[in-house]
mmCIF file of all heavy atoms, coordinates in Angstrom:
data_MODEL
# 
_entry.id   MODEL 
# 
loop_
_atom_site.group_PDB 
_atom_site.id 
_atom_site.type_symbol 
_atom_site.label_atom_id 
_atom_site.label_alt_id 
_atom_site.label_comp_id 
_atom_site.label_asym_id 
_atom_site.label_entity_id 
_atom_site.label_seq_id 
_atom_site.pdbx_PDB_ins_code 
_atom_site.Cartn_x 
_atom_site.Cartn_y 
_atom_site.Cartn_z 
_atom_site.occupancy 
_atom_site.B_iso_or_equiv 
_atom_site.pdbx_formal_charge 
_atom_site.auth_seq_id 
_atom_site.auth_comp_id 
_atom_site.auth_asym_id 
_atom_site.auth_atom_id 
_atom_site.pdbx_PDB_model_num 
ATOM 1   N N   . GLY A 1 1  ? -88.880  -29.748 9.985  1.00 0.00 ? 1  GLY A N   1 
ATOM 2   C CA  . GLY A 1 1  ? -90.105  -29.265 9.370  1.00 0.00 ? 1  GLY A CA  1 
ATOM 3   C C   . GLY A 1 1  ? -90.452  -27.863 9.845  1.00 0.00 ? 1  GLY A C   1 
ATOM 4   O O   . GLY A 1 1  ? -89.903  -27.364 10.829 1.00 0.00 ? 1  GLY A O   1 
ATOM 5   N N   . LYS A 1 2  ? -91.352  -27.253 9.118  1.00 0.00 ? 2  LYS A N   1 
ATOM 6   C CA  . LYS A 1 2  ? -91.818  -25.915 9.461  1.00 0.00 ? 2  LYS A CA  1 
ATOM 7   C C   . LYS A 1 2  ? -93.321  -25.854 9.236  1.00 0.00 ? 2  LYS A C   1 
ATOM 8   O O   . LYS A 1 2  ? -93.807  -26.187 8.150  1.00 0.00 ? 2  LYS A O   1 
ATOM 9   C CB  . LYS A 1 2  ? -91.119  -24.853 8.600  1.00 0.00 ? 2  LYS A CB  1 
ATOM 10  C CG  . LYS A 1 2  ? -91.564  -23.428 8.901  1.00 0.00 ? 2  LYS A CG  1 
ATOM 11  C CD  . LYS A 1 2  ? -90.844  -22.436 7.996  1.00 0.00 ? 2  LYS A CD  1 
ATOM 12  C CE  . LYS A 1 2  ? -91.307  -21.013 8.272  1.00 0.00 ? 2  LYS A CE  1 
ATOM 13  N NZ  . LYS A 1 2  ? -90.630  -20.039 7.362  1.00 0.00 ? 2  LYS A NZ  1 
ATOM 14  N N   . LEU A 1 3  ? -94.059  -25.448 10.256 1.00 0.00 ? 3  LEU A N   1 
ATOM 15  C CA  . LEU A 1 3  ? -95.505  -25.345 10.137 1.00 0.00 ? 3  LEU A CA  1 
ATOM 16  C C   . LEU A 1 3  ? -95.858  -24.226 9.162  1.00 0.00 ? 3  LEU A C   1 
ATOM 17  O O   . LEU A 1 3  ? -95.494  -23.068 9.368  1.00 0.00 ? 3  LEU A O   1 
ATOM 18  C CB  . LEU A 1 3  ? -96.128  -25.063 11.507 1.00 0.00 ? 3  LEU A CB  1 
ATOM 19  C CG  . LEU A 1 3  ? -97.661  -24.991 11.540 1.00 0.00 ? 3  LEU A CG  1 
ATOM 20  C CD1 . LEU A 1 3  ? -98.275  -26.343 11.206 1.00 0.00 ? 3  LEU A CD1 1 
ATOM 21  C CD2 . LEU A 1 3  ? -98.145  -24.513 12.897 1.00 0.00 ? 3  LEU A CD2 1 
ATOM 22  N N   . ARG A 1 4  ? -96.582  -24.572 8.077  1.00 0.00 ? 4  ARG A N   1 
ATOM 23  C CA  . ARG A 1 4  ? -96.952  -23.575 7.073  1.00 0.00 ? 4  ARG A CA  1 
ATOM 24  C C   . ARG A 1 4  ? -98.359  -23.056 7.288  1.00 0.00 ? 4  ARG A C   1 
ATOM 25  O O   . ARG A 1 4  ? -98.606  -21.857 7.167  1.00 0.00 ? 4  ARG A O   1 
ATOM 26  C CB  . ARG A 1 4  ? -96.827  -24.158 5.669  1.00 0.00 ? 4  ARG A CB  1 
ATOM 27  C CG  . ARG A 1 4  ? -97.105  -23.130 4.558  1.00 0.00 ? 4  ARG A CG  1 
ATOM 28  C CD  . ARG A 1 4  ? -96.943  -23.719 3.185  1.00 0.00 ? 4  ARG A CD  1 
ATOM 29  N NE  . ARG A 1 4  ? -97.903  -24.749 2.890  1.00 0.00 ? 4  ARG A NE  1 
ATOM 30  C CZ  . ARG A 1 4  ? -99.145  -24.519 2.461  1.00 0.00 ? 4  ARG A CZ  1 
ATOM 31  N NH1 . ARG A 1 4  ? -99.577  -23.289 2.305  1.00 0.00 ? 4  ARG A NH1 1 
ATOM 32  N NH2 . ARG A 1 4  ? -99.961  -25.534 2.185  1.00 0.00 ? 4  ARG A NH2 1 
ATOM 33  N N   . GLU A 1 5  ? -99.290  -23.919 7.610  1.00 0.00 ? 5  GLU A N   1 
ATOM 34  C CA  . GLU A 1 5  ? -100.665 -23.453 7.774  1.00 0.00 ? 5  GLU A CA  1 
ATOM 35  C C   . GLU A 1 5  ? -101.444 -24.393 8.677  1.00 0.00 ? 5  GLU A C   1 
ATOM 36  O O   . GLU A 1 5  ? -101.127 -25.582 8.788  1.00 0.00 ? 5  GLU A O   1 
ATOM 37  C CB  . GLU A 1 5  ? -101.376 -23.340 6.418  1.00 0.00 ? 5  GLU A CB  1 
ATOM 38  C CG  . GLU A 1 5  ? -101.624 -24.678 5.738  1.00 0.00 ? 5  GLU A CG  1 
ATOM 39  C CD  . GLU A 1 5  ? -102.427 -24.546 4.451  1.00 0.00 ? 5  GLU A CD  1 
ATOM 40  O OE1 . GLU A 1 5  ? -102.506 -23.426 3.934  1.00 0.00 ? 5  GLU A OE1 1 
ATOM 41  O OE2 . GLU A 1 5  ? -102.962 -25.561 3.980  1.00 0.00 ? 5  GLU A OE2 1 
ATOM 42  N N   . VAL A 1 6  ? -102.444 -23.820 9.333  1.00 0.00 ? 6  VAL A N   1 
ATOM 43  C CA  . VAL A 1 6  ? -103.413 -24.579 10.130 1.00 0.00 ? 6  VAL A CA  1 
ATOM 44  C C   . VAL A 1 6  ? -104.790 -24.066 9.744  1.00 0.00 ? 6  VAL A C   1 
ATOM 45  O O   . VAL A 1 6  ? -105.026 -22.854 9.726  1.00 0.00 ? 6  VAL A O   1 
ATOM 46  C CB  . VAL A 1 6  ? -103.185 -24.409 11.645 1.00 0.00 ? 6  VAL A CB  1 
ATOM 47  C CG1 . VAL A 1 6  ? -104.245 -25.173 12.427 1.00 0.00 ? 6  VAL A CG1 1 
ATOM 48  C CG2 . VAL A 1 6  ? -101.799 -24.883 12.040 1.00 0.00 ? 6  VAL A CG2 1 
ATOM 49  N N   . SER A 1 7  ? -105.692 -24.979 9.421  1.00 0.00 ? 7  SER A N   1 
ATOM 50  C CA  . SER A 1 7  ? -107.029 -24.569 9.010  1.00 0.00 ? 7  SER A CA  1 
ATOM 51  C C   . SER A 1 7  ? -107.724 -23.815 10.141 1.00 0.00 ? 7  SER A C   1 
ATOM 52  O O   . SER A 1 7  ? -107.634 -24.206 11.311 1.00 0.00 ? 7  SER A O   1 
ATOM 53  C CB  . SER A 1 7  ? -107.863 -25.795 8.628  1.00 0.00 ? 7  SER A CB  1 
ATOM 54  O OG  . SER A 1 7  ? -109.203 -25.433 8.374  1.00 0.00 ? 7  SER A OG  1 
ATOM 55  N N   . PRO A 1 8  ? -108.427 -22.725 9.823  1.00 0.00 ? 8  PRO A N   1 
ATOM 56  C CA  . PRO A 1 8  ? -109.129 -21.986 10.871 1.00 0.00 ? 8  PRO A CA  1 
ATOM 57  C C   . PRO A 1 8  ? -110.404 -22.671 11.354 1.00 0.00 ? 8  PRO A C   1 
ATOM 58  O O   . PRO A 1 8  ? -110.962 -22.285 12.380 1.00 0.00 ? 8  PRO A O   1 
ATOM 59  C CB  . PRO A 1 8  ? -109.457 -20.649 10.190 1.00 0.00 ? 8  PRO A CB  1 
ATOM 60  C CG  . PRO A 1 8  ? -109.556 -20.989 8.739  1.00 0.00 ? 8  PRO A CG  1 
ATOM 61  C CD  . PRO A 1 8  ? -108.549 -22.076 8.501  1.00 0.00 ? 8  PRO A CD  1 
ATOM 62  N N   . ALA A 1 9  ? -110.883 -23.679 10.623 1.00 0.00 ? 9  ALA A N   1 
ATOM 63  C CA  . ALA A 1 9  ? -112.127 -24.361 10.981 1.00 0.00 ? 9  ALA A CA  1 
ATOM 64  C C   . ALA A 1 9  ? -111.865 -25.857 11.119 1.00 0.00 ? 9  ALA A C   1 
ATOM 65  O O   . ALA A 1 9  ? -111.099 -26.444 10.349 1.00 0.00 ? 9  ALA A O   1 
ATOM 66  C CB  . ALA A 1 9  ? -113.203 -24.113 9.926  1.00 0.00 ? 9  ALA A CB  1 
ATOM 67  N N   . ALA A 1 10 ? -112.503 -26.466 12.109 1.00 0.00 ? 10 ALA A N   1 
ATOM 68  C CA  . ALA A 1 10 ? -112.329 -27.896 12.346 1.00 0.00 ? 10 ALA A CA  1 
ATOM 69  C C   . ALA A 1 10 ? -113.184 -28.705 11.382 1.00 0.00 ? 10 ALA A C   1 
ATOM 70  O O   . ALA A 1 10 ? -114.230 -28.251 10.916 1.00 0.00 ? 10 ALA A O   1 
ATOM 71  C CB  . ALA A 1 10 ? -112.702 -28.237 13.785 1.00 0.00 ? 10 ALA A CB  1 
ATOM 72  N N   . ASP A 1 11 ? -112.714 -29.907 11.086 1.00 0.00 ? 11 ASP A N   1 
ATOM 73  C CA  . ASP A 1 11 ? -113.499 -30.819 10.268 1.00 0.00 ? 11 ASP A CA  1 
ATOM 74  C C   . ASP A 1 11 ? -114.777 -31.179 11.035 1.00 0.00 ? 11 ASP A C   1 
ATOM 75  O O   . ASP A 1 11 ? -114.712 -31.581 12.201 1.00 0.00 ? 11 ASP A O   1 
ATOM 76  C CB  . ASP A 1 11 ? -112.686 -32.093 9.980  1.00 0.00 ? 11 ASP A CB  1 
ATOM 77  C CG  . ASP A 1 11 ? -113.451 -33.071 9.120  1.00 0.00 ? 11 ASP A CG  1 
ATOM 78  O OD1 . ASP A 1 11 ? -113.377 -32.963 7.886  1.00 0.00 ? 11 ASP A OD1 1 
ATOM 79  O OD2 . ASP A 1 11 ? -114.136 -33.946 9.700  1.00 0.00 ? 11 ASP A OD2 1 
ATOM 80  N N   . PRO A 1 12 ? -115.960 -31.034 10.415 1.00 0.00 ? 12 PRO A N   1 
ATOM 81  C CA  . PRO A 1 12 ? -117.203 -31.251 11.166 1.00 0.00 ? 12 PRO A CA  1 
ATOM 82  C C   . PRO A 1 12 ? -117.391 -32.687 11.635 1.00 0.00 ? 12 PRO A C   1 
ATOM 83  O O   . PRO A 1 12 ? -118.123 -32.921 12.600 1.00 0.00 ? 12 PRO A O   1 
ATOM 84  C CB  . PRO A 1 12 ? -118.298 -30.847 10.161 1.00 0.00 ? 12 PRO A CB  1 
ATOM 85  C CG  . PRO A 1 12 ? -117.652 -30.951 8.812  1.00 0.00 ? 12 PRO A CG  1 
ATOM 86  C CD  . PRO A 1 12 ? -116.205 -30.621 9.021  1.00 0.00 ? 12 PRO A CD  1 
ATOM 87  N N   . ALA A 1 13 ? -116.754 -33.647 10.997 1.00 0.00 ? 13 ALA A N   1 
ATOM 88  C CA  . ALA A 1 13 ? -116.925 -35.050 11.390 1.00 0.00 ? 13 ALA A CA  1 
ATOM 89  C C   . ALA A 1 13 ? -115.862 -35.482 12.397 1.00 0.00 ? 13 ALA A C   1 
ATOM 90  O O   . ALA A 1 13 ? -116.172 -36.021 13.458 1.00 0.00 ? 13 ALA A O   1 
ATOM 91  C CB  . ALA A 1 13 ? -116.881 -35.938 10.155 1.00 0.00 ? 13 ALA A CB  1 
ATOM 92  N N   . ALA A 1 14 ? -114.586 -35.216 12.079 1.00 0.00 ? 14 ALA A N   1 
ATOM 93  C CA  . ALA A 1 14 ? -113.501 -35.677 12.936 1.00 0.00 ? 14 ALA A CA  1 
ATOM 94  C C   . ALA A 1 14 ? -113.153 -34.697 14.047 1.00 0.00 ? 14 ALA A C   1 
ATOM 95  O O   . ALA A 1 14 ? -112.462 -35.068 15.003 1.00 0.00 ? 14 ALA A O   1 
ATOM 96  C CB  . ALA A 1 14 ? -112.248 -35.945 12.093 1.00 0.00 ? 14 ALA A CB  1 
ATOM 97  N N   . ARG A 1 15 ? -113.602 -33.436 13.945 1.00 0.00 ? 15 ARG A N   1 
ATOM 98  C CA  . ARG A 1 15 ? -113.279 -32.395 14.909 1.00 0.00 ? 15 ARG A CA  1 
ATOM 99  C C   . ARG A 1 15 ? -111.773 -32.211 15.050 1.00 0.00 ? 15 ARG A C   1 
ATOM 100 O O   . ARG A 1 15 ? -111.230 -32.054 16.141 1.00 0.00 ? 15 ARG A O   1 
ATOM 101 C CB  . ARG A 1 15 ? -113.895 -32.684 16.291 1.00 0.00 ? 15 ARG A CB  1 
ATOM 102 C CG  . ARG A 1 15 ? -115.384 -32.946 16.286 1.00 0.00 ? 15 ARG A CG  1 
ATOM 103 C CD  . ARG A 1 15 ? -116.148 -31.878 15.547 1.00 0.00 ? 15 ARG A CD  1 
ATOM 104 N NE  . ARG A 1 15 ? -115.883 -30.532 16.045 1.00 0.00 ? 15 ARG A NE  1 
ATOM 105 C CZ  . ARG A 1 15 ? -116.275 -29.419 15.441 1.00 0.00 ? 15 ARG A CZ  1 
ATOM 106 N NH1 . ARG A 1 15 ? -116.920 -29.491 14.286 1.00 0.00 ? 15 ARG A NH1 1 
ATOM 107 N NH2 . ARG A 1 15 ? -116.012 -28.246 15.968 1.00 0.00 ? 15 ARG A NH2 1 
ATOM 108 N N   . THR A 1 16 ? -111.074 -32.255 13.934 1.00 0.00 ? 16 THR A N   1 
ATOM 109 C CA  . THR A 1 16 ? -109.636 -31.994 13.892 1.00 0.00 ? 16 THR A CA  1 
ATOM 110 C C   . THR A 1 16 ? -109.367 -30.878 12.903 1.00 0.00 ? 16 THR A C   1 
ATOM 111 O O   . THR A 1 16 ? -110.183 -30.600 12.018 1.00 0.00 ? 16 THR A O   1 
ATOM 112 C CB  . THR A 1 16 ? -108.855 -33.245 13.482 1.00 0.00 ? 16 THR A CB  1 
ATOM 113 O OG1 . THR A 1 16 ? -109.329 -33.704 12.202 1.00 0.00 ? 16 THR A OG1 1 
ATOM 114 C CG2 . THR A 1 16 ? -109.004 -34.359 14.511 1.00 0.00 ? 16 THR A CG2 1 
ATOM 115 N N   . TYR A 1 17 ? -108.206 -30.240 13.045 1.00 0.00 ? 17 TYR A N   1 
ATOM 116 C CA  . TYR A 1 17 ? -107.818 -29.130 12.182 1.00 0.00 ? 17 TYR A CA  1 
ATOM 117 C C   . TYR A 1 17 ? -106.757 -29.612 11.189 1.00 0.00 ? 17 TYR A C   1 
ATOM 118 O O   . TYR A 1 17 ? -105.717 -30.152 11.600 1.00 0.00 ? 17 TYR A O   1 
ATOM 119 C CB  . TYR A 1 17 ? -107.255 -27.977 13.012 1.00 0.00 ? 17 TYR A CB  1 
ATOM 120 C CG  . TYR A 1 17 ? -108.284 -27.302 13.890 1.00 0.00 ? 17 TYR A CG  1 
ATOM 121 C CD1 . TYR A 1 17 ? -108.600 -27.814 15.140 1.00 0.00 ? 17 TYR A CD1 1 
ATOM 122 C CD2 . TYR A 1 17 ? -108.957 -26.170 13.461 1.00 0.00 ? 17 TYR A CD2 1 
ATOM 123 C CE1 . TYR A 1 17 ? -109.552 -27.206 15.950 1.00 0.00 ? 17 TYR A CE1 1 
ATOM 124 C CE2 . TYR A 1 17 ? -109.915 -25.552 14.255 1.00 0.00 ? 17 TYR A CE2 1 
ATOM 125 C CZ  . TYR A 1 17 ? -110.200 -26.072 15.498 1.00 0.00 ? 17 TYR A CZ  1 
ATOM 126 O OH  . TYR A 1 17 ? -111.144 -25.467 16.288 1.00 0.00 ? 17 TYR A OH  1 
ATOM 127 N N   . ALA A 1 18 ? -107.030 -29.421 9.905  1.00 0.00 ? 18 ALA A N   1 
ATOM 128 C CA  . ALA A 1 18 ? -106.063 -29.800 8.876  1.00 0.00 ? 18 ALA A CA  1 
ATOM 129 C C   . ALA A 1 18 ? -104.875 -28.835 8.919  1.00 0.00 ? 18 ALA A C   1 
ATOM 130 O O   . ALA A 1 18 ? -105.052 -27.624 9.022  1.00 0.00 ? 18 ALA A O   1 
ATOM 131 C CB  . ALA A 1 18 ? -106.710 -29.774 7.497  1.00 0.00 ? 18 ALA A CB  1 
ATOM 132 N N   . ALA A 1 19 ? -103.669 -29.394 8.870  1.00 0.00 ? 19 ALA A N   1 
ATOM 133 C CA  . ALA A 1 19 ? -102.457 -28.576 8.922  1.00 0.00 ? 19 ALA A CA  1 
ATOM 134 C C   . ALA A 1 19 ? -101.439 -29.130 7.941  1.00 0.00 ? 19 ALA A C   1 
ATOM 135 O O   . ALA A 1 19 ? -101.492 -30.299 7.550  1.00 0.00 ? 19 ALA A O   1 
ATOM 136 C CB  . ALA A 1 19 ? -101.879 -28.543 10.339 1.00 0.00 ? 19 ALA A CB  1 
ATOM 137 N N   . ARG A 1 20 ? -100.486 -28.281 7.540  1.00 0.00 ? 20 ARG A N   1 
ATOM 138 C CA  . ARG A 1 20 ? -99.425  -28.666 6.622  1.00 0.00 ? 20 ARG A CA  1 
ATOM 139 C C   . ARG A 1 20 ? -98.076  -28.281 7.239  1.00 0.00 ? 20 ARG A C   1 
ATOM 140 O O   . ARG A 1 20 ? -97.895  -27.139 7.681  1.00 0.00 ? 20 ARG A O   1 
ATOM 141 C CB  . ARG A 1 20 ? -99.592  -27.968 5.277  1.00 0.00 ? 20 ARG A CB  1 
ATOM 142 C CG  . ARG A 1 20 ? -100.784 -28.455 4.448  1.00 0.00 ? 20 ARG A CG  1 
ATOM 143 C CD  . ARG A 1 20 ? -100.592 -29.873 3.946  1.00 0.00 ? 20 ARG A CD  1 
ATOM 144 N NE  . ARG A 1 20 ? -101.638 -30.311 3.047  1.00 0.00 ? 20 ARG A NE  1 
ATOM 145 C CZ  . ARG A 1 20 ? -101.482 -30.456 1.730  1.00 0.00 ? 20 ARG A CZ  1 
ATOM 146 N NH1 . ARG A 1 20 ? -100.327 -30.169 1.161  1.00 0.00 ? 20 ARG A NH1 1 
ATOM 147 N NH2 . ARG A 1 20 ? -102.476 -30.884 0.987  1.00 0.00 ? 20 ARG A NH2 1 
ATOM 148 N N   . VAL A 1 21 ? -97.146  -29.233 7.247  1.00 0.00 ? 21 VAL A N   1 
ATOM 149 C CA  . VAL A 1 21 ? -95.779  -29.009 7.734  1.00 0.00 ? 21 VAL A CA  1 
ATOM 150 C C   . VAL A 1 21 ? -94.826  -29.191 6.562  1.00 0.00 ? 21 VAL A C   1 
ATOM 151 O O   . VAL A 1 21 ? -94.759  -30.278 5.970  1.00 0.00 ? 21 VAL A O   1 
ATOM 152 C CB  . VAL A 1 21 ? -95.422  -29.986 8.875  1.00 0.00 ? 21 VAL A CB  1 
ATOM 153 C CG1 . VAL A 1 21 ? -93.960  -29.798 9.291  1.00 0.00 ? 21 VAL A CG1 1 
ATOM 154 C CG2 . VAL A 1 21 ? -96.347  -29.770 10.063 1.00 0.00 ? 21 VAL A CG2 1 
ATOM 155 N N   . THR A 1 22 ? -94.113  -28.139 6.194  1.00 0.00 ? 22 THR A N   1 
ATOM 156 C CA  . THR A 1 22 ? -93.167  -28.202 5.084  1.00 0.00 ? 22 THR A CA  1 
ATOM 157 C C   . THR A 1 22 ? -91.923  -28.982 5.501  1.00 0.00 ? 22 THR A C   1 
ATOM 158 O O   . THR A 1 22 ? -91.357  -28.746 6.574  1.00 0.00 ? 22 THR A O   1 
ATOM 159 C CB  . THR A 1 22 ? -92.765  -26.789 4.644  1.00 0.00 ? 22 THR A CB  1 
ATOM 160 O OG1 . THR A 1 22 ? -93.934  -26.079 4.241  1.00 0.00 ? 22 THR A OG1 1 
ATOM 161 C CG2 . THR A 1 22 ? -91.777  -26.835 3.493  1.00 0.00 ? 22 THR A CG2 1 
ATOM 162 N N   . VAL A 1 23 ? -91.489  -29.909 4.654  1.00 0.00 ? 23 VAL A N   1 
ATOM 163 C CA  . VAL A 1 23 ? -90.269  -30.686 4.913  1.00 0.00 ? 23 VAL A CA  1 
ATOM 164 C C   . VAL A 1 23 ? -89.091  -29.906 4.347  1.00 0.00 ? 23 VAL A C   1 
ATOM 165 O O   . VAL A 1 23 ? -89.000  -29.706 3.130  1.00 0.00 ? 23 VAL A O   1 
ATOM 166 C CB  . VAL A 1 23 ? -90.355  -32.086 4.282  1.00 0.00 ? 23 VAL A CB  1 
ATOM 167 C CG1 . VAL A 1 23 ? -89.108  -32.890 4.629  1.00 0.00 ? 23 VAL A CG1 1 
ATOM 168 C CG2 . VAL A 1 23 ? -91.615  -32.810 4.749  1.00 0.00 ? 23 VAL A CG2 1 
ATOM 169 N N   . LEU A 1 24 ? -88.211  -29.456 5.214  1.00 0.00 ? 24 LEU A N   1 
ATOM 170 C CA  . LEU A 1 24 ? -87.055  -28.689 4.779  1.00 0.00 ? 24 LEU A CA  1 
ATOM 171 C C   . LEU A 1 24 ? -85.989  -29.622 4.206  1.00 0.00 ? 24 LEU A C   1 
ATOM 172 O O   . LEU A 1 24 ? -85.709  -30.685 4.773  1.00 0.00 ? 24 LEU A O   1 
ATOM 173 C CB  . LEU A 1 24 ? -86.481  -27.880 5.946  1.00 0.00 ? 24 LEU A CB  1 
ATOM 174 C CG  . LEU A 1 24 ? -87.478  -26.929 6.642  1.00 0.00 ? 24 LEU A CG  1 
ATOM 175 C CD1 . LEU A 1 24 ? -86.804  -26.206 7.794  1.00 0.00 ? 24 LEU A CD1 1 
ATOM 176 C CD2 . LEU A 1 24 ? -88.058  -25.933 5.649  1.00 0.00 ? 24 LEU A CD2 1 
ATOM 177 N N   . ASP A 1 25 ? -85.390  -29.218 3.089  1.00 0.00 ? 25 ASP A N   1 
ATOM 178 C CA  . ASP A 1 25 ? -84.321  -29.997 2.443  1.00 0.00 ? 25 ASP A CA  1 
ATOM 179 C C   . ASP A 1 25 ? -84.778  -31.409 2.111  1.00 0.00 ? 25 ASP A C   1 
ATOM 180 O O   . ASP A 1 25 ? -84.035  -32.391 2.299  1.00 0.00 ? 25 ASP A O   1 
ATOM 181 C CB  . ASP A 1 25 ? -83.069  -30.039 3.326  1.00 0.00 ? 25 ASP A CB  1 
ATOM 182 C CG  . ASP A 1 25 ? -82.530  -28.650 3.614  1.00 0.00 ? 25 ASP A CG  1 
ATOM 183 O OD1 . ASP A 1 25 ? -82.616  -27.786 2.719  1.00 0.00 ? 25 ASP A OD1 1 
ATOM 184 O OD2 . ASP A 1 25 ? -82.036  -28.429 4.736  1.00 0.00 ? 25 ASP A OD2 1 
# 
């Protein structure tokens, strides 16, 4: 996988950052 993006702001309820990992091939 390859990290494509990480949200700059945390979710106000869960206090986690949404991120996307691209699946190669």
